[in-house]
Each structure stands twice: as structure tokens, then as C-alpha cells.
C-alpha atoms as a PDB file:
ATOM      1  CA  UNK A   1       9.685   6.959  23.355  1.00  0.00           C
ATOM      2  CA  UNK A   2       7.134   4.900  22.113  1.00  0.00           C
ATOM      3  CA  UNK A   3       6.597   1.208  23.212  1.00  0.00           C
ATOM      4  CA  UNK A   4       7.653  -0.017  20.132  1.00  0.00           C
ATOM      5  CA  UNK A   5      11.423   1.665  20.716  1.00  0.00           C
ATOM      6  CA  UNK A   6      10.955  -0.043  24.647  1.00  0.00           C
ATOM      7  CA  UNK A   7      10.513  -3.297  22.778  1.00  0.00           C
ATOM      8  CA  UNK A   8      13.544  -3.525  20.424  1.00  0.00           C
ATOM      9  CA  UNK A   9      16.444  -4.540  22.205  1.00  0.00           C
ATOM     10  CA  UNK A  10      19.879  -2.933  22.378  1.00  0.00           C
ATOM     11  CA  UNK A  11      22.376  -4.232  20.271  1.00  0.00           C
ATOM     12  CA  UNK A  12      25.497  -5.416  21.190  1.00  0.00           C
ATOM     13  CA  UNK A  13      28.494  -6.826  19.181  1.00  0.00           C
ATOM     14  CA  UNK A  14      31.594  -9.353  20.484  1.00  0.00           C
ATOM     15  CA  UNK A  15      35.011  -8.307  20.214  1.00  0.00           C
ATOM     16  CA  UNK A  16      38.115 -10.045  20.509  1.00  0.00           C
ATOM     17  CA  UNK A  17      36.805 -12.512  23.047  1.00  0.00           C
ATOM     18  CA  UNK A  18      38.214 -15.885  23.392  1.00  0.00           C
ATOM     19  CA  UNK A  19      35.741 -18.934  21.953  1.00  0.00           C
ATOM     20  CA  UNK A  20      34.695 -19.708  25.033  1.00  0.00           C
ATOM     21  CA  UNK A  21      34.073 -16.392  26.931  1.00  0.00           C
ATOM     22  CA  UNK A  22      32.244 -15.050  23.746  1.00  0.00           C
ATOM     23  CA  UNK A  23      29.990 -18.284  23.666  1.00  0.00           C
ATOM     24  CA  UNK A  24      29.231 -17.467  27.934  1.00  0.00           C
ATOM     25  CA  UNK A  25      28.499 -13.865  27.078  1.00  0.00           C
ATOM     26  CA  UNK A  26      26.336 -14.906  24.264  1.00  0.00           C
ATOM     27  CA  UNK A  27      24.377 -16.921  26.474  1.00  0.00           C
ATOM     28  CA  UNK A  28      24.313 -14.017  29.368  1.00  0.00           C
ATOM     29  CA  UNK A  29      23.011 -11.352  26.642  1.00  0.00           C
ATOM     30  CA  UNK A  30      20.448 -14.263  24.986  1.00  0.00           C
ATOM     31  CA  UNK A  31      19.008 -14.560  28.760  1.00  0.00           C
ATOM     32  CA  UNK A  32      18.147 -11.237  28.861  1.00  0.00           C
ATOM     33  CA  UNK A  33      15.267 -10.141  26.618  1.00  0.00           C
ATOM     34  CA  UNK A  34      16.296  -6.487  26.227  1.00  0.00           C
ATOM     35  CA  UNK A  35      19.591  -6.693  24.732  1.00  0.00           C
ATOM     36  CA  UNK A  36      20.270  -8.658  21.741  1.00  0.00           C
ATOM     37  CA  UNK A  37      23.865 -10.004  20.399  1.00  0.00           C
ATOM     38  CA  UNK A  38      24.048  -8.697  16.122  1.00  0.00           C
ATOM     39  CA  UNK A  39      27.720 -10.265  15.714  1.00  0.00           C
ATOM     40  CA  UNK A  40      31.647 -12.061  16.884  1.00  0.00           C
ATOM     41  CA  UNK A  41      34.393 -10.657  15.755  1.00  0.00           C
ATOM     42  CA  UNK A  42      37.880 -12.354  16.663  1.00  0.00           C
ATOM     43  CA  UNK A  43      39.947  -9.341  16.017  1.00  0.00           C
ATOM     44  CA  UNK A  44      39.225  -5.559  15.836  1.00  0.00           C
ATOM     45  CA  UNK A  45      40.362  -5.503  12.094  1.00  0.00           C
ATOM     46  CA  UNK A  46      37.883  -7.746  11.549  1.00  0.00           C
ATOM     47  CA  UNK A  47      34.716  -6.201  13.641  1.00  0.00           C
ATOM     48  CA  UNK A  48      35.705  -2.774  11.715  1.00  0.00           C
ATOM     49  CA  UNK A  49      34.714  -4.829   8.428  1.00  0.00           C
ATOM     50  CA  UNK A  50      31.445  -6.684  10.003  1.00  0.00           C
ATOM     51  CA  UNK A  51      30.291  -3.779  12.605  1.00  0.00           C
ATOM     52  CA  UNK A  52      29.408  -1.226   9.656  1.00  0.00           C
ATOM     53  CA  UNK A  53      26.360  -3.734   8.354  1.00  0.00           C
ATOM     54  CA  UNK A  54      25.466  -4.672  11.534  1.00  0.00           C
ATOM     55  CA  UNK A  55      22.507  -2.138  13.923  1.00  0.00           C
ATOM     56  CA  UNK A  56      25.237  -3.080  17.155  1.00  0.00           C
ATOM     57  CA  UNK A  57      24.569   0.285  19.490  1.00  0.00           C
ATOM     58  CA  UNK A  58      27.463  -0.927  21.880  1.00  0.00           C
ATOM     59  CA  UNK A  59      30.447  -2.986  21.217  1.00  0.00           C
ATOM     60  CA  UNK A  60      32.061  -4.849  24.247  1.00  0.00           C
ATOM     61  CA  UNK A  61      35.740  -4.803  23.422  1.00  0.00           C
ATOM     62  CA  UNK A  62      38.003  -7.691  25.739  1.00  0.00           C
ATOM     63  CA  UNK A  63      41.224  -5.499  26.494  1.00  0.00           C
ATOM     64  CA  UNK A  64      43.443  -8.061  26.649  1.00  0.00           C
ATOM     65  CA  UNK A  65      43.004  -9.319  23.474  1.00  0.00           C
ATOM     66  CA  UNK A  66      43.571  -5.971  21.342  1.00  0.00           C
ATOM     67  CA  UNK A  67      47.531  -6.928  21.744  1.00  0.00           C
ATOM     68  CA  UNK A  68      50.263  -3.962  21.210  1.00  0.00           C
ATOM     69  CA  UNK A  69      48.174  -1.472  19.158  1.00  0.00           C
ATOM     70  CA  UNK A  70      45.183  -1.287  21.531  1.00  0.00           C
ATOM     71  CA  UNK A  71      44.608   2.462  21.733  1.00  0.00           C
ATOM     72  CA  UNK A  72      45.415   3.263  17.842  1.00  0.00           C
ATOM     73  CA  UNK A  73      42.987   0.592  16.846  1.00  0.00           C
ATOM     74  CA  UNK A  74      39.835   1.507  19.358  1.00  0.00           C
ATOM     75  CA  UNK A  75      40.836   5.232  18.148  1.00  0.00           C
ATOM     76  CA  UNK A  76      40.772   4.047  14.648  1.00  0.00           C
ATOM     77  CA  UNK A  77      37.327   2.020  15.462  1.00  0.00           C
ATOM     78  CA  UNK A  78      36.037   4.975  17.284  1.00  0.00           C
ATOM     79  CA  UNK A  79      36.337   7.514  14.319  1.00  0.00           C
ATOM     80  CA  UNK A  80      34.612   4.559  11.601  1.00  0.00           C
ATOM     81  CA  UNK A  81      31.795   4.262  13.812  1.00  0.00           C
ATOM     82  CA  UNK A  82      30.922   7.598  15.982  1.00  0.00           C
ATOM     83  CA  UNK A  83      27.612   6.802  17.274  1.00  0.00           C
ATOM     84  CA  UNK A  84      28.724   3.203  18.323  1.00  0.00           C
ATOM     85  CA  UNK A  85      29.375   2.888  22.566  1.00  0.00           C
ATOM     86  CA  UNK A  86      32.483   1.381  23.189  1.00  0.00           C
ATOM     87  CA  UNK A  87      32.684  -0.756  26.214  1.00  0.00           C
ATOM     88  CA  UNK A  88      36.041  -2.558  27.309  1.00  0.00           C
ATOM     89  CA  UNK A  89      36.536  -5.592  29.570  1.00  0.00           C
ATOM     90  CA  UNK A  90      39.184  -5.835  31.359  1.00  0.00           C
ATOM     91  CA  UNK A  91      40.070  -8.316  34.468  1.00  0.00           C
ATOM     92  CA  UNK A  92      41.400  -4.681  36.443  1.00  0.00           C
ATOM     93  CA  UNK A  93      39.108  -2.313  35.241  1.00  0.00           C
ATOM     94  CA  UNK A  94      40.653   0.077  36.818  1.00  0.00           C
ATOM     95  CA  UNK A  95      44.081  -0.417  35.499  1.00  0.00           C
ATOM     96  CA  UNK A  96      42.946   0.518  31.941  1.00  0.00           C
ATOM     97  CA  UNK A  97      40.454   3.381  32.352  1.00  0.00           C
ATOM     98  CA  UNK A  98      42.629   6.064  31.662  1.00  0.00           C
ATOM     99  CA  UNK A  99      44.132   4.574  28.291  1.00  0.00           C
ATOM    100  CA  UNK A 100      40.608   3.392  27.299  1.00  0.00           C
ATOM    101  CA  UNK A 101      39.524   6.638  27.761  1.00  0.00           C
ATOM    102  CA  UNK A 102      42.092   8.187  25.429  1.00  0.00           C
ATOM    103  CA  UNK A 103      41.276   5.341  22.967  1.00  0.00           C
ATOM    104  CA  UNK A 104      37.868   6.633  22.888  1.00  0.00           C
ATOM    105  CA  UNK A 105      36.283   4.213  24.957  1.00  0.00           C
ATOM    106  CA  UNK A 106      32.776   5.437  26.671  1.00  0.00           C
ATOM    107  CA  UNK A 107      34.133   2.529  29.947  1.00  0.00           C
ATOM    108  CA  UNK A 108      36.072  -0.063  31.032  1.00  0.00           C
ATOM    109  CA  UNK A 109      33.809  -2.884  32.836  1.00  0.00           C
ATOM    110  CA  UNK A 110      35.669  -5.814  35.166  1.00  0.00           C
ATOM    111  CA  UNK A 111      35.064  -9.343  34.009  1.00  0.00           C
ATOM    112  CA  UNK A 112      33.990 -10.652  37.578  1.00  0.00           C
ATOM    113  CA  UNK A 113      31.707  -8.075  37.778  1.00  0.00           C
ATOM    114  CA  UNK A 114      30.569  -8.023  34.647  1.00  0.00           C
ATOM    115  CA  UNK A 115      26.887  -8.543  34.653  1.00  0.00           C
ATOM    116  CA  UNK A 116      25.793  -5.733  37.204  1.00  0.00           C
ATOM    117  CA  UNK A 117      28.492  -3.215  35.523  1.00  0.00           C
ATOM    118  CA  UNK A 118      27.057  -3.823  31.803  1.00  0.00           C
ATOM    119  CA  UNK A 119      23.611  -3.817  33.476  1.00  0.00           C
ATOM    120  CA  UNK A 120      24.388  -0.176  34.903  1.00  0.00           C
ATOM    121  CA  UNK A 121      25.697   1.186  31.754  1.00  0.00           C
ATOM    122  CA  UNK A 122      23.150  -0.022  29.444  1.00  0.00           C
ATOM    123  CA  UNK A 123      20.957   1.918  32.166  1.00  0.00           C
ATOM    124  CA  UNK A 124      23.212   4.804  32.060  1.00  0.00           C
ATOM    125  CA  UNK A 125      23.344   5.238  28.224  1.00  0.00           C
ATOM    126  CA  UNK A 126      20.004   3.743  27.084  1.00  0.00           C
ATOM    127  CA  UNK A 127      17.885   5.564  30.190  1.00  0.00           C
ATOM    128  CA  UNK A 128      14.288   5.669  28.467  1.00  0.00           C
ATOM    129  CA  UNK A 129      14.920   1.974  27.662  1.00  0.00           C
ATOM    130  CA  UNK A 130      15.836   0.536  30.817  1.00  0.00           C
ATOM    131  CA  UNK A 131      14.413   1.742  33.999  1.00  0.00           C
ATOM    132  CA  UNK A 132      16.780   2.892  36.534  1.00  0.00           C
ATOM    133  CA  UNK A 133      16.109   1.518  39.784  1.00  0.00           C
ATOM    134  CA  UNK A 134      17.604   3.717  42.528  1.00  0.00           C
ATOM    135  CA  UNK A 135      17.565   6.794  41.357  1.00  0.00           C
ATOM    136  CA  UNK A 136      20.459   8.896  38.943  1.00  0.00           C
ATOM    137  CA  UNK A 137      22.541   6.808  36.754  1.00  0.00           C
ATOM    138  CA  UNK A 138      25.376   9.505  36.667  1.00  0.00           C
ATOM    139  CA  UNK A 139      25.621   9.823  40.618  1.00  0.00           C
ATOM    140  CA  UNK A 140      25.922   5.747  41.000  1.00  0.00           C
ATOM    141  CA  UNK A 141      28.763   5.984  38.065  1.00  0.00           C
ATOM    142  CA  UNK A 142      30.614   9.322  39.967  1.00  0.00           C
ATOM    143  CA  UNK A 143      30.253   7.400  43.435  1.00  0.00           C
ATOM    144  CA  UNK A 144      32.033   3.996  42.122  1.00  0.00           C
ATOM    145  CA  UNK A 145      34.331   5.424  39.252  1.00  0.00           C
ATOM    146  CA  UNK A 146      35.260   8.725  41.162  1.00  0.00           C
ATOM    147  CA  UNK A 147      34.276  10.933  37.928  1.00  0.00           C
ATOM    148  CA  UNK A 148      31.398  12.607  37.156  1.00  0.00           C
ATOM    149  CA  UNK A 149      30.038  10.050  34.762  1.00  0.00           C
ATOM    150  CA  UNK A 150      30.989   7.949  31.581  1.00  0.00           C
ATOM    151  CA  UNK A 151      34.562   8.227  29.806  1.00  0.00           C
ATOM    152  CA  UNK A 152      34.684  10.516  27.386  1.00  0.00           C
END
């Protein structure tokens, strides 16, 4: 990978977050030059319209804001944008891991450990772009999530 690719930020798109939480997450993203916010949508339906026109590599989705048809909505997003990494954010990440995996999300991260877990996933998803401190990310993920790697 060349130096230009390393200098380009990973583009993140926020879906379904309340206005206050979206602002907090945007401040977090803007504080790190290795990531960039490419858009915010209050719903998955609007995100499906907006995302194809953005260079987003990762979509952060507020699981609690998705409503009744959560898995169907995420499945539709996954089918429409197969290269997009979908990461759900929930207050209790472990409780939603199985449902998120069935819907096509790569992972569920906890709102209270958001920064550390997002940082870890970005290193796992884009290993050439973010140096991994302390060894192999797959092994650390398996140790903390009881799996052989990210949710597939």
C-alpha cells in the first residue's frame, strides 16, 4: 500500500442516531484525521438513498433506532451495498450480536466502549491503513468476543 492510501481517511456514515449523539460521534470522528464523516441519516430508508453517493467504507448504525424491522432493513442495506462494512452500536452489544450477524452486520459495539471498540474494528477491517498495536487483531477479537473473528 502506498503512502497516499495510508494518508486517506476511512469514511464513516452514521445512521439512526439521535441528533445529540450524532453530534458527539461527529466530534469524535473529526478529532481523528484517520477517519472522516461522510454523512448522517436519521433512518435506514434515507441512508439507502444517500449512501450510494458517498465514499463511505463503514456505516455505524444505532441499533435501538431501527425499530421492528431491524434485521430486514440491515439485510436490504447489505444487499444494496455489499462492500460497506456495517457496524451496529447498542447499549448492550452482546445482546444483539446474533441478530446483527443474521442481518449482515460485521460487528456490534457497545455505546459505553465506543471509541476503543471502533478503533479496534477499524484496525481489523483496514490492517494496512492502521498499525495494530500489540499483535494480531483477530486473536484479540476472538479473546474478547468468543469467536474466531468478526461477525460474518
